[in-house]
Amino acid sequence: MERPSSQSKHDAKLPPRLPGAWPLVGHILDFGKNPHEFMMHLRAKYGDVAEFKMFHQDMVLLTGDKASEAFYRAADETLDQGAAYKIMTPIFGHGVVFDAPIRKKNQQLQMLMPALRDKPMRTYSDIIVEEVENLIKDWGESGEIDLLQFTKELTIYTSSHCLLGPEFRHELNKEFAEIYHDLEQGIKPIAYVFPNLPLPVFRRRDKARARLQGLVTDIMARRAEQSSDSPNVFQTLIDAAYEDGTKLTPHEITGMLIATIFAGHHTSSGTTAWVLIELLRHPQWMTAVVDELDGLFGDEGAVTFESLRQIPKLENVLKEVLRLHPPLIILMRKVLQDFTVEDFTIKAGKFVCAAPAITHRIAALFADPERFDPDRYSPERAEDKNLYAWQAFGGGRHKCSGNAFALFQIKAIFCILLRRYEFELVSPAESYRDDYTKMVVEPASPCRIRYRLRGHVQPSSQIEKTEAPGIEAETEDSRHRIEVDMDLCKGHATCMGEAPELFHVDEAGKLTVLKPSPEEALIDKARAAAKYCPTQAIRIEERK
C-alpha cells in the first residue's frame, strides 16, 4: 500500500495523510467537486484508513467492513455524533438530539421508538396507500412527470401523515410545506463552519423553526383537551418523559419532530426515485418485480403490513438501490479519546467518517460491485449479511431507527404504482446520475419519466403464504440457540410480534429473550423473528 513520502517511521501508526491541502480550505475544493470520486481515490491510494483535511479540520476516512465496524461500534464517549453535526443545531434546536449531552440525546432518541415499533407500523399501510392514490388520481391514462419532484411530494405526505398525525397533513398542509422548505434550505455546506451567518437563507430557516414551534404548542394544547391513543411520533413525544420524570418542552418536541421528518423524507424520496430508475434501466428486473406483484396482489389485493413482508424480488431491488445509491455520502463523528483502527491510532480532536457508498463498492465484499445485481441478496449469496459491509442505514448503536419504516413505505408505494402504471425514461438511461452537490444524495434534476395506464390484471385468489426464503425445516434432533447483539437492538419489538413465546420487549424498549434455547417446534418462529428484525440483531445458532 502506498504511503505519502512525508510520513516517517516515527509516526508509522498514524493514518496515511493525503498531501496537497490548501491553506484555510484543505481539500474541500476537490471534495466538493465530487465527494464520491474523491473518497474512492483516497481509498484506492491509501486503503481502509486515510486522512485528509476539510477546511481546518483533520478528517480520517474509514472504509471496509473492519474499519467500519470500529466506527459504528465505538462508544459515544469515544466517538461523538453531536460535535460532528452542529450544522443541525439551528434546525433541531439547542439541547435537542445532536446538541444534547450524550445521555440526554440517547433518551430522546429512545422516546421515538414506540411509534416505530411493530404494532403502530401495522396501521401505516392504509395511510401510505391513501396518499399514493390521492397523488396519482388525476394522472389520467398517460403523461410525463418530474420523478424526483413527485417522490418528494409523496414522501413528505406519507411521512408527515404517518409520523406526525392528521393535523400536519390536512389542517396545516400548505403552511407546514412552506416551513419545511425553509428549514430544508438552511442545510448548506457553509453551515458546517458558520451556521449563524446573517444570510437570508439562514434568517428564513430561523423564522420557520420559530413558527413551527408555535404551531406545535397550539396543537399540544388542543390535544391536551381530548384524549388520544394515536400511535404517531407526535403523540408519543407528548406522552414521553425523561428518566427523572420531566416532560418534553414544546421546543424539544419541535426539534425531534423536525429530526423525524428529515430522516423519513430526505432519504426515502431519493431512494424511491432511484428504485424506479434502476428498474427501467434493467427491464428484466422490472418484469420480475411486476410479475411478483401481480401474482401476490392482482388488481385489488390489499397492501397490508403482512403482505409487504413477502415481496422478496422488490425487497432485493431496494437493497441493491441502497447499496449503489445510499442517500448519505458521509457519516461523521468527533474523536473524544484516542481511537485505534486496525494498526492506526487516531488522535483525539480529529474527525472520523464512514462512507457507505465507498465500502459498498469494495470487490472483496460485493462481487462485481459496480453491477446492478439484486440476486446478491438471495439466501444462497446473502451479501448483505455482513452488517458492516452493507451499511445503507449506518450500523451499530446508531443505526437508523427508522430503517424499517423507510423500507415499508417504499415497498407500499411501488405496490400501487407498478400495478397501476407502466413507465419509461424520457432521457438516455446513462444520463440519470447521483447529484453529489446536495447534503443528501438523490438523482440529479431534471429527472423526467413517462407513464401509461396498464391493462387489467387478473387478481390472485389470495396472497400466497409461503415460508420465508432461506428458512428450512429442521431435523428432529437439531438444537439451536438464540443470540442477540444488544448493541444493534433498537426495541422495534418485531421479534415479539413474530414469536411472543421467545421474545419480550418492555415499554422502555428493553429486549428479553424468554427461551434462549427454544424447542424445535418454535424454531421457525425464531427464524422469522431473525429475518424480520429491522436491525438484524438476532441470530439463530446451531449448536454442535
Protein backbone atom coordinates (compact mmCIF):
# COMPACT_ATOMS: atom_id res chain seq x y z
CA MET A 1 0.00 0.00 0.00
CA GLU A 2 1.39 3.37 -0.97
CA ARG A 3 2.34 5.77 1.80
CA PRO A 4 2.89 9.50 1.31
CA SER A 5 6.55 10.43 1.34
CA SER A 6 6.10 12.86 4.23
CA GLN A 7 5.37 10.06 6.70
CA SER A 8 8.30 8.79 8.72
CA LYS A 9 8.66 5.56 10.63
CA HIS A 10 8.35 7.54 13.88
CA ASP A 11 4.65 8.14 13.19
CA ALA A 12 4.02 4.89 11.29
CA LYS A 13 0.94 4.14 13.38
CA LEU A 14 -0.74 7.38 12.39
CA PRO A 15 -3.10 7.23 9.40
CA PRO A 16 -1.57 7.98 5.99
CA ARG A 17 -2.30 11.58 5.04
CA LEU A 18 -3.27 12.92 1.63
CA PRO A 19 -0.84 15.70 0.63
CA GLY A 20 -1.76 18.86 -1.25
CA ALA A 21 -4.11 20.53 1.25
CA TRP A 22 -4.66 24.23 0.55
CA PRO A 23 -4.30 26.79 3.38
CA LEU A 24 -7.60 27.50 5.18
CA VAL A 25 -9.74 25.24 2.95
CA GLY A 26 -7.74 21.99 2.96
CA HIS A 27 -9.05 19.52 0.35
CA ILE A 28 -12.58 20.93 0.31
CA LEU A 29 -12.34 22.12 -3.31
CA ASP A 30 -11.56 18.63 -4.61
CA PHE A 31 -14.03 17.04 -2.20
CA GLY A 32 -16.78 19.45 -3.19
CA LYS A 33 -16.49 18.72 -6.91
CA ASN A 34 -17.42 15.09 -6.40
CA PRO A 35 -17.08 13.65 -2.88
CA HIS A 36 -17.70 10.11 -4.15
CA GLU A 37 -14.81 10.22 -6.62
CA PHE A 38 -12.60 11.96 -4.05
CA MET A 39 -13.14 9.25 -1.43
CA MET A 40 -12.88 6.40 -3.96
CA HIS A 41 -9.49 7.80 -5.00
CA LEU A 42 -8.42 8.24 -1.37
CA ARG A 43 -9.22 4.63 -0.54
CA ALA A 44 -7.59 3.29 -3.71
CA LYS A 45 -4.40 5.16 -2.81
CA TYR A 46 -4.12 4.56 0.94
CA GLY A 47 -6.52 1.76 1.96
CA ASP A 48 -9.15 1.44 4.69
CA VAL A 49 -7.81 4.28 6.86
CA ALA A 50 -6.76 7.56 5.25
CA GLU A 51 -6.59 11.18 6.38
CA PHE A 52 -7.47 14.40 4.56
CA LYS A 53 -8.28 17.96 5.59
CA MET A 54 -11.68 19.68 5.42
CA PHE A 55 -11.15 23.40 5.96
CA HIS A 56 -9.05 23.49 9.16
CA GLN A 57 -10.23 20.08 10.41
CA ASP A 58 -8.36 16.76 10.11
CA MET A 59 -10.70 14.05 8.78
CA VAL A 60 -9.97 10.30 8.75
CA LEU A 61 -11.91 8.21 6.24
CA LEU A 62 -12.75 4.68 7.43
CA THR A 63 -13.89 2.19 4.79
CA GLY A 64 -14.15 -1.58 4.52
CA ASP A 65 -16.01 -3.81 6.97
CA LYS A 66 -13.32 -3.94 9.69
CA ALA A 67 -12.71 -0.19 9.91
CA SER A 68 -16.44 0.46 9.57
CA GLU A 69 -17.19 -1.89 12.45
CA ALA A 70 -14.76 0.02 14.66
CA PHE A 71 -16.54 3.25 13.67
CA TYR A 72 -20.08 2.02 14.25
CA ARG A 73 -19.39 0.07 17.44
CA ALA A 74 -17.42 2.77 19.24
CA ALA A 75 -18.90 4.14 22.46
CA ASP A 76 -20.33 7.66 22.46
CA GLU A 77 -17.64 8.64 24.93
CA THR A 78 -15.02 7.79 22.29
CA LEU A 79 -16.72 8.96 19.08
CA ASP A 80 -19.29 11.74 19.45
CA GLN A 81 -22.05 12.42 16.93
CA GLY A 82 -23.02 15.74 18.43
CA ALA A 83 -19.80 17.61 17.70
CA ALA A 84 -19.94 16.43 14.07
CA TYR A 85 -23.46 17.71 13.36
CA LYS A 86 -23.54 21.24 14.75
CA ILE A 87 -24.93 22.17 11.32
CA MET A 88 -28.29 20.84 12.53
CA THR A 89 -28.43 22.78 15.82
CA PRO A 90 -30.27 25.84 14.43
CA ILE A 91 -32.83 23.50 12.84
CA PHE A 92 -33.38 20.91 15.57
CA GLY A 93 -32.75 23.42 18.37
CA HIS A 94 -30.33 23.84 21.25
CA GLY A 95 -30.34 20.88 23.59
CA VAL A 96 -32.11 18.62 21.09
CA VAL A 97 -30.67 15.41 19.58
CA PHE A 98 -27.12 16.17 18.37
CA ASP A 99 -26.85 19.29 20.52
CA ALA A 100 -27.85 17.45 23.70
CA PRO A 101 -25.44 15.78 26.15
CA ILE A 102 -24.90 12.12 25.28
CA ARG A 103 -27.17 10.68 27.99
CA LYS A 104 -29.98 13.10 27.20
CA LYS A 105 -29.64 12.56 23.44
CA ASN A 106 -29.93 8.80 23.86
CA GLN A 107 -33.07 9.23 26.00
CA GLN A 108 -34.58 11.50 23.33
CA LEU A 109 -33.89 9.00 20.55
CA GLN A 110 -35.36 6.16 22.61
CA MET A 111 -38.57 8.20 23.01
CA LEU A 112 -39.16 7.91 19.25
CA MET A 113 -39.13 4.12 19.25
CA PRO A 114 -42.74 3.38 20.36
CA ALA A 115 -44.06 4.93 17.13
CA LEU A 116 -41.62 2.88 15.02
CA ARG A 117 -42.36 -0.48 16.62
CA ASP A 118 -44.16 -3.41 15.12
CA LYS A 119 -47.68 -2.60 16.39
CA PRO A 120 -48.06 1.01 15.11
CA MET A 121 -46.35 0.06 11.85
CA ARG A 122 -49.33 -2.16 11.13
CA THR A 123 -51.54 0.95 10.94
CA TYR A 124 -49.39 2.86 8.45
CA SER A 125 -50.03 0.86 5.26
CA ASP A 126 -53.56 2.24 4.80
CA ILE A 127 -52.25 5.81 5.17
CA ILE A 128 -49.48 5.29 2.60
CA VAL A 129 -51.86 3.68 0.10
CA GLU A 130 -54.29 6.58 0.57
CA GLU A 131 -51.57 9.16 -0.09
CA VAL A 132 -50.33 7.40 -3.25
CA GLU A 133 -53.88 7.07 -4.59
CA ASN A 134 -54.61 10.76 -3.91
CA LEU A 135 -51.47 11.94 -5.68
CA ILE A 136 -51.99 9.88 -8.85
CA LYS A 137 -55.78 10.23 -9.13
CA ASP A 138 -55.51 12.98 -11.76
CA TRP A 139 -52.75 11.40 -13.84
CA GLY A 140 -55.09 10.09 -16.47
CA GLU A 141 -54.13 7.41 -18.98
CA SER A 142 -50.67 8.77 -19.83
CA GLY A 143 -48.35 11.67 -19.22
CA GLU A 144 -44.91 12.86 -18.14
CA ILE A 145 -43.67 13.98 -14.72
CA ASP A 146 -40.51 15.00 -12.92
CA LEU A 147 -39.93 11.83 -10.90
CA LEU A 148 -37.93 13.44 -8.09
CA GLN A 149 -40.46 16.21 -7.62
CA PHE A 150 -43.20 13.57 -7.42
CA THR A 151 -41.37 11.37 -4.89
CA LYS A 152 -40.51 14.38 -2.73
CA GLU A 153 -44.13 15.47 -2.60
CA LEU A 154 -45.35 11.92 -1.97
CA THR A 155 -42.91 11.07 0.81
CA ILE A 156 -43.49 14.34 2.68
CA TYR A 157 -47.20 13.50 2.67
CA THR A 158 -46.72 9.89 3.77
CA SER A 159 -44.09 10.72 6.40
CA SER A 160 -45.98 13.66 7.92
CA HIS A 161 -49.30 11.78 7.93
CA CYS A 162 -47.91 8.58 9.47
CA LEU A 163 -45.39 10.07 11.87
CA LEU A 164 -46.81 13.47 12.86
CA GLY A 165 -50.55 12.97 12.56
CA PRO A 166 -53.55 14.29 10.62
CA GLU A 167 -53.22 17.92 11.76
CA PHE A 168 -49.89 18.36 9.98
CA ARG A 169 -51.08 16.51 6.89
CA HIS A 170 -54.51 18.07 6.43
CA GLU A 171 -55.04 21.21 8.53
CA LEU A 172 -51.52 22.63 8.10
CA ASN A 173 -50.61 21.10 4.77
CA LYS A 174 -49.60 24.27 2.87
CA GLU A 175 -48.10 26.07 5.87
CA PHE A 176 -46.14 23.01 7.00
CA ALA A 177 -44.79 22.53 3.47
CA GLU A 178 -43.54 26.13 3.40
CA ILE A 179 -41.96 25.82 6.85
CA TYR A 180 -40.29 22.53 5.91
CA HIS A 181 -38.93 24.05 2.68
CA ASP A 182 -37.28 26.93 4.56
CA LEU A 183 -35.78 24.54 7.12
CA GLU A 184 -34.50 22.26 4.35
CA GLN A 185 -32.89 25.17 2.50
CA GLY A 186 -30.97 26.04 5.66
CA ILE A 187 -28.77 22.93 5.26
CA LYS A 188 -25.82 24.40 3.38
CA PRO A 189 -22.19 23.19 3.44
CA ILE A 190 -21.07 26.57 4.81
CA ALA A 191 -23.21 25.90 7.89
CA TYR A 192 -20.72 23.24 8.98
CA VAL A 193 -18.32 26.06 9.78
CA PHE A 194 -20.53 29.17 10.05
CA PRO A 195 -24.08 28.05 10.94
CA ASN A 196 -25.23 31.51 12.07
CA LEU A 197 -24.00 33.86 9.37
CA PRO A 198 -26.51 36.68 8.71
CA LEU A 199 -27.54 35.21 5.36
CA PRO A 200 -31.15 35.47 4.07
CA VAL A 201 -31.41 31.67 3.81
CA PHE A 202 -30.42 31.29 7.47
CA ARG A 203 -32.84 34.02 8.59
CA ARG A 204 -35.69 32.21 6.81
CA ARG A 205 -34.55 28.97 8.48
CA ASP A 206 -34.72 30.52 11.95
CA LYS A 207 -38.13 32.13 11.34
CA ALA A 208 -39.50 28.82 10.07
CA ARG A 209 -38.32 26.99 13.17
CA ALA A 210 -39.90 29.56 15.47
CA ARG A 211 -43.17 29.39 13.51
CA LEU A 212 -43.25 25.59 13.69
CA GLN A 213 -42.73 25.68 17.47
CA GLY A 214 -45.75 27.97 17.73
CA LEU A 215 -47.87 25.52 15.73
CA VAL A 216 -46.66 22.58 17.82
CA THR A 217 -47.55 24.43 21.03
CA ASP A 218 -51.07 25.15 19.73
CA ILE A 219 -51.67 21.52 18.70
CA MET A 220 -50.37 20.26 22.05
CA ALA A 221 -52.88 22.50 23.83
CA ARG A 222 -55.72 21.18 21.66
CA ARG A 223 -54.69 17.55 22.15
CA ALA A 224 -54.49 18.07 25.91
CA GLU A 225 -58.24 18.81 25.89
CA GLN A 226 -59.08 15.48 24.30
CA SER A 227 -57.64 12.04 24.94
CA SER A 228 -55.69 10.45 22.09
CA ASP A 229 -54.39 6.96 21.56
CA SER A 230 -52.74 7.84 18.26
CA PRO A 231 -49.54 5.82 17.62
CA ASN A 232 -47.73 8.61 15.74
CA VAL A 233 -44.45 10.19 16.83
CA PHE A 234 -46.03 13.49 17.85
CA GLN A 235 -48.37 11.91 20.39
CA THR A 236 -45.59 9.60 21.57
CA LEU A 237 -43.41 12.62 22.36
CA ILE A 238 -46.24 14.45 24.11
CA ASP A 239 -46.69 11.44 26.38
CA ALA A 240 -42.95 10.78 26.90
CA ALA A 241 -40.79 11.77 29.85
CA TYR A 242 -37.11 11.69 30.76
CA GLU A 243 -35.80 9.24 33.34
CA ASP A 244 -36.30 11.83 36.06
CA GLY A 245 -39.97 12.26 35.10
CA THR A 246 -39.55 15.61 33.34
CA LYS A 247 -41.78 16.05 30.31
CA LEU A 248 -40.50 17.30 26.98
CA THR A 249 -40.93 21.01 26.25
CA PRO A 250 -42.56 22.30 23.03
CA HIS A 251 -39.05 23.38 21.97
CA GLU A 252 -37.74 19.83 22.36
CA ILE A 253 -40.77 18.23 20.72
CA THR A 254 -40.49 20.60 17.76
CA GLY A 255 -36.85 19.71 17.22
CA MET A 256 -37.49 15.99 17.46
CA LEU A 257 -40.41 16.21 15.02
CA ILE A 258 -38.17 18.00 12.54
CA ALA A 259 -35.49 15.36 13.01
CA THR A 260 -38.06 12.61 12.42
CA ILE A 261 -39.36 14.11 9.18
CA PHE A 262 -35.87 14.89 7.89
CA ALA A 263 -34.94 11.24 8.43
CA GLY A 264 -38.17 9.89 6.98
CA HIS A 265 -38.41 12.18 3.98
CA HIS A 266 -34.94 13.09 2.72
CA THR A 267 -33.68 9.56 2.36
CA SER A 268 -36.93 7.99 1.15
CA SER A 269 -37.66 10.44 -1.67
CA GLY A 270 -34.33 9.92 -3.44
CA THR A 271 -34.35 6.17 -2.87
CA THR A 272 -37.89 5.84 -4.23
CA ALA A 273 -36.85 7.70 -7.38
CA TRP A 274 -33.76 5.52 -7.84
CA VAL A 275 -35.77 2.29 -7.46
CA LEU A 276 -37.90 3.22 -10.47
CA ILE A 277 -34.91 4.46 -12.48
CA GLU A 278 -32.92 1.28 -11.89
CA LEU A 279 -35.93 -0.92 -12.73
CA LEU A 280 -36.30 0.97 -16.02
CA ARG A 281 -32.58 0.63 -16.70
CA HIS A 282 -32.85 -3.12 -16.13
CA PRO A 283 -36.09 -4.26 -17.78
CA GLN A 284 -35.59 -7.90 -16.81
CA TRP A 285 -35.87 -6.84 -13.19
CA MET A 286 -38.88 -4.62 -13.91
CA THR A 287 -40.60 -7.65 -15.43
CA ALA A 288 -39.65 -9.86 -12.48
CA VAL A 289 -40.93 -7.35 -9.90
CA VAL A 290 -44.18 -6.58 -11.75
CA ASP A 291 -44.85 -10.31 -12.17
CA GLU A 292 -44.20 -10.79 -8.45
CA LEU A 293 -46.66 -8.03 -7.51
CA ASP A 294 -49.29 -9.24 -9.96
CA GLY A 295 -49.01 -12.77 -8.58
CA LEU A 296 -49.31 -11.62 -4.98
CA PHE A 297 -51.93 -8.89 -5.32
CA GLY A 298 -53.63 -8.94 -8.72
CA ASP A 299 -55.63 -5.76 -9.31
CA GLU A 300 -57.22 -5.32 -5.93
CA GLY A 301 -55.16 -7.28 -3.40
CA ALA A 302 -54.83 -5.33 -0.16
CA VAL A 303 -51.49 -3.76 0.69
CA THR A 304 -51.02 -4.66 4.34
CA PHE A 305 -48.22 -4.94 6.87
CA GLU A 306 -48.19 -8.71 6.38
CA SER A 307 -48.30 -8.69 2.58
CA LEU A 308 -45.48 -6.13 2.35
CA ARG A 309 -43.10 -8.54 4.05
CA GLN A 310 -43.48 -11.22 1.37
CA ILE A 311 -42.09 -9.45 -1.71
CA PRO A 312 -38.51 -10.79 -1.95
CA LYS A 313 -37.71 -9.57 -5.51
CA LEU A 314 -38.83 -5.99 -4.81
CA GLU A 315 -37.02 -6.02 -1.47
CA ASN A 316 -33.78 -7.23 -3.08
CA VAL A 317 -34.06 -4.49 -5.72
CA LEU A 318 -34.49 -1.96 -2.94
CA LYS A 319 -31.42 -3.27 -1.12
CA GLU A 320 -29.35 -3.05 -4.30
CA VAL A 321 -30.51 0.52 -4.93
CA LEU A 322 -29.47 1.43 -1.39
CA ARG A 323 -26.08 -0.22 -1.97
CA LEU A 324 -25.38 1.73 -5.17
CA HIS A 325 -27.13 4.98 -4.16
CA PRO A 326 -27.04 5.35 -0.35
CA PRO A 327 -28.55 8.75 0.47
CA LEU A 328 -25.89 9.75 3.00
CA ILE A 329 -22.50 10.21 1.37
CA ILE A 330 -20.65 10.56 4.66
CA LEU A 331 -21.29 9.89 8.37
CA MET A 332 -19.10 11.71 10.87
CA ARG A 333 -18.02 11.53 14.49
CA LYS A 334 -15.56 13.59 16.56
CA VAL A 335 -12.82 11.63 18.31
CA LEU A 336 -13.01 12.40 22.04
CA GLN A 337 -10.45 9.79 23.10
CA ASP A 338 -7.56 8.34 21.11
CA PHE A 339 -9.07 5.68 18.88
CA THR A 340 -7.41 2.61 17.36
CA VAL A 341 -8.47 1.24 13.97
CA GLU A 342 -6.57 -1.70 12.53
CA ASP A 343 -2.96 -0.74 13.34
CA PHE A 344 -3.51 3.03 13.28
CA THR A 345 -4.07 5.42 16.18
CA ILE A 346 -6.39 8.35 15.52
CA LYS A 347 -5.78 11.17 17.95
CA ALA A 348 -8.47 12.93 19.97
CA GLY A 349 -9.69 16.11 18.29
CA LYS A 350 -9.78 14.68 14.78
CA PHE A 351 -12.96 13.64 12.99
CA VAL A 352 -13.60 10.17 11.60
CA CYS A 353 -16.08 9.41 8.85
CA ALA A 354 -17.67 6.34 7.31
CA ALA A 355 -18.72 6.37 3.65
CA PRO A 356 -21.31 3.69 2.82
CA ALA A 357 -21.11 4.18 -0.95
CA ILE A 358 -17.35 3.58 -0.89
CA THR A 359 -17.50 0.44 1.25
CA HIS A 360 -20.36 -0.79 -0.94
CA ARG A 361 -18.02 -0.81 -3.93
CA ILE A 362 -15.26 -2.99 -2.48
CA ALA A 363 -14.93 -6.14 -4.59
CA ALA A 364 -13.90 -8.27 -1.62
CA LEU A 365 -17.26 -7.51 -0.02
CA PHE A 366 -19.54 -7.36 -3.07
CA ALA A 367 -18.87 -9.40 -6.21
CA ASP A 368 -18.62 -7.20 -9.33
CA PRO A 369 -19.57 -4.19 -7.18
CA GLU A 370 -20.45 -1.74 -9.98
CA ARG A 371 -23.05 -4.14 -11.40
CA PHE A 372 -26.74 -3.82 -10.51
CA ASP A 373 -27.38 -7.32 -9.17
CA PRO A 374 -30.30 -7.80 -6.73
CA ASP A 375 -29.64 -11.55 -6.76
CA ARG A 376 -26.66 -10.88 -4.49
CA TYR A 377 -29.17 -10.82 -1.59
CA SER A 378 -30.63 -14.25 -2.33
CA PRO A 379 -30.39 -16.80 0.52
CA GLU A 380 -27.59 -18.58 -1.34
CA ARG A 381 -25.37 -15.50 -1.69
CA ALA A 382 -26.57 -13.26 1.17
CA GLU A 383 -24.07 -10.45 0.53
CA ASP A 384 -25.97 -8.23 2.97
CA LYS A 385 -25.37 -10.49 5.97
CA ASN A 386 -22.11 -8.75 6.82
CA LEU A 387 -23.60 -5.88 8.83
CA TYR A 388 -20.52 -3.71 8.38
CA ALA A 389 -20.28 -4.23 4.62
CA TRP A 390 -23.88 -3.38 3.61
CA GLN A 391 -24.41 -0.22 5.66
CA ALA A 392 -27.00 1.88 3.84
CA PHE A 393 -28.65 2.71 7.20
CA GLY A 394 -25.41 3.01 9.14
CA GLY A 395 -24.66 0.41 11.79
CA GLY A 396 -24.10 -0.39 15.43
CA ARG A 397 -25.76 1.51 18.24
CA HIS A 398 -26.61 4.46 15.99
CA LYS A 399 -28.07 2.52 13.07
CA CYS A 400 -31.05 4.43 11.71
CA SER A 401 -34.06 3.59 13.90
CA GLY A 402 -36.43 4.42 11.05
CA ASN A 403 -35.00 1.90 8.59
CA ALA A 404 -38.00 -0.41 8.96
CA PHE A 405 -40.41 2.46 8.23
CA ALA A 406 -38.38 3.57 5.21
CA LEU A 407 -38.39 0.11 3.60
CA PHE A 408 -42.04 -0.41 4.47
CA GLN A 409 -43.00 2.96 2.97
CA ILE A 410 -41.13 2.46 -0.31
CA LYS A 411 -42.44 -1.07 -0.84
CA ALA A 412 -46.01 0.14 -0.27
CA ILE A 413 -45.55 2.94 -2.81
CA PHE A 414 -44.41 0.53 -5.53
CA CYS A 415 -47.16 -1.97 -4.76
CA ILE A 416 -49.55 0.73 -6.00
CA LEU A 417 -47.54 2.41 -8.78
CA LEU A 418 -46.33 -0.70 -10.61
CA ARG A 419 -49.73 -2.41 -10.53
CA ARG A 420 -51.39 0.70 -11.97
CA TYR A 421 -48.94 2.14 -14.49
CA GLU A 422 -46.12 1.32 -16.91
CA PHE A 423 -43.16 3.72 -17.02
CA GLU A 424 -40.30 4.72 -19.30
CA LEU A 425 -37.31 7.03 -19.07
CA VAL A 426 -37.51 10.28 -21.01
CA SER A 427 -33.73 10.75 -21.30
CA PRO A 428 -30.96 8.24 -22.10
CA ALA A 429 -30.52 5.77 -19.21
CA GLU A 430 -26.93 6.79 -18.54
CA SER A 431 -27.92 10.45 -18.06
CA TYR A 432 -29.65 9.68 -14.74
CA ARG A 433 -26.96 10.13 -12.09
CA ASP A 434 -26.42 10.98 -8.44
CA ASP A 435 -26.27 14.65 -7.51
CA TYR A 436 -23.39 14.96 -5.07
CA THR A 437 -23.80 18.72 -4.65
CA LYS A 438 -26.60 18.09 -2.14
CA MET A 439 -26.20 17.14 1.51
CA VAL A 440 -28.48 14.14 0.97
CA VAL A 441 -27.67 12.41 -2.32
CA GLU A 442 -30.52 11.98 -4.80
CA PRO A 443 -30.95 11.79 -8.58
CA ALA A 444 -29.89 14.94 -10.40
CA SER A 445 -32.58 17.15 -11.91
CA PRO A 446 -34.18 17.08 -14.40
CA CYS A 447 -35.43 13.58 -13.72
CA ARG A 448 -38.26 13.06 -16.21
CA ILE A 449 -40.27 9.87 -16.78
CA ARG A 450 -43.36 8.96 -18.79
CA TYR A 451 -46.23 6.84 -17.53
CA ARG A 452 -49.03 4.90 -19.18
CA LEU A 453 -52.01 3.17 -17.60
CA ARG A 454 -51.66 -0.62 -17.56
CA GLY A 455 -54.23 -3.09 -18.82
CA HIS A 456 -56.33 -5.12 -16.40
CA VAL A 457 -54.50 -7.57 -14.14
CA GLN A 458 -56.32 -10.71 -13.10
CA PRO A 459 -56.44 -10.75 -9.27
CA SER A 460 -54.93 -13.68 -7.48
CA SER A 461 -57.29 -15.70 -5.27
CA GLN A 462 -55.24 -14.76 -2.25
CA ILE A 463 -51.80 -13.56 -1.28
CA GLU A 464 -49.51 -16.53 -1.45
CA LYS A 465 -48.49 -17.68 2.00
CA THR A 466 -45.05 -19.14 1.56
CA GLU A 467 -42.37 -19.90 4.06
CA ALA A 468 -39.83 -17.13 4.29
CA PRO A 469 -36.90 -17.64 1.88
CA GLY A 470 -33.92 -19.29 3.49
CA ILE A 471 -35.90 -20.95 6.27
CA GLU A 472 -35.59 -24.70 6.04
CA ALA A 473 -37.23 -27.38 8.11
CA GLU A 474 -35.07 -28.63 10.95
CA THR A 475 -34.47 -32.23 11.80
CA GLU A 476 -35.98 -33.71 14.92
CA ASP A 477 -32.70 -33.88 16.81
CA SER A 478 -31.43 -30.39 15.93
CA ARG A 479 -30.59 -27.97 18.75
CA HIS A 480 -30.42 -24.19 18.43
CA ARG A 481 -29.62 -21.13 20.49
CA ILE A 482 -30.88 -17.57 20.07
CA GLU A 483 -28.10 -14.96 20.09
CA VAL A 484 -28.89 -11.23 20.25
CA ASP A 485 -26.43 -8.41 19.62
CA MET A 486 -27.82 -5.94 22.15
CA ASP A 487 -25.67 -3.19 20.65
CA LEU A 488 -27.79 -3.45 17.50
CA CYS A 489 -31.22 -3.98 19.12
CA LYS A 490 -33.36 -0.83 18.96
CA GLY A 491 -36.50 -2.18 20.60
CA HIS A 492 -38.67 -2.30 17.46
CA ALA A 493 -40.44 -5.35 19.02
CA THR A 494 -40.85 -7.04 15.63
CA CYS A 495 -39.42 -10.20 17.19
CA MET A 496 -42.11 -10.16 19.87
CA GLY A 497 -44.76 -9.86 17.18
CA GLU A 498 -43.35 -12.92 15.41
CA ALA A 499 -42.60 -15.07 18.44
CA PRO A 500 -44.11 -13.84 21.73
CA GLU A 501 -43.17 -17.19 23.26
CA LEU A 502 -39.49 -16.37 22.74
CA PHE A 503 -39.12 -12.57 22.99
CA HIS A 504 -40.45 -9.76 25.17
CA VAL A 505 -39.85 -6.02 24.70
CA ASP A 506 -40.92 -3.78 27.57
CA GLU A 507 -42.23 -0.21 27.35
CA ALA A 508 -38.68 1.13 27.57
CA GLY A 509 -37.66 -0.93 24.56
CA LYS A 510 -35.56 -3.44 26.50
CA LEU A 511 -35.49 -6.91 24.93
CA THR A 512 -35.57 -10.10 26.97
CA VAL A 513 -35.08 -13.49 25.32
CA LEU A 514 -37.54 -15.73 27.14
CA LYS A 515 -36.18 -19.01 25.79
CA PRO A 516 -32.53 -18.76 24.67
CA SER A 517 -32.62 -22.45 23.65
CA PRO A 518 -36.10 -22.93 22.16
CA GLU A 519 -37.73 -26.27 21.46
CA GLU A 520 -37.80 -27.40 17.85
CA ALA A 521 -41.49 -26.54 17.45
CA LEU A 522 -40.59 -22.83 17.85
CA ILE A 523 -37.53 -22.72 15.57
CA ASP A 524 -39.49 -21.48 12.55
CA LYS A 525 -40.85 -18.62 14.65
CA ALA A 526 -37.36 -17.81 15.92
CA ARG A 527 -36.03 -17.72 12.36
CA ALA A 528 -38.88 -15.45 11.26
CA ALA A 529 -38.04 -13.09 14.14
CA ALA A 530 -34.41 -13.03 12.99
CA LYS A 531 -35.38 -12.49 9.34
CA TYR A 532 -37.71 -9.57 10.01
CA CYS A 533 -35.63 -7.84 12.71
CA PRO A 534 -35.04 -4.36 11.18
CA THR A 535 -31.50 -4.18 12.57
CA GLN A 536 -30.56 -7.85 12.09
CA ALA A 537 -29.68 -8.09 15.77
CA ILE A 538 -30.88 -11.70 16.13
CA ARG A 539 -29.04 -14.85 15.04
CA ILE A 540 -30.14 -18.45 15.38
CA GLU A 541 -27.05 -20.54 16.03
CA GLU A 542 -26.95 -24.32 15.62
CA ARG A 543 -25.04 -25.92 18.46
CA LYS A 544 -22.60 -28.66 17.53
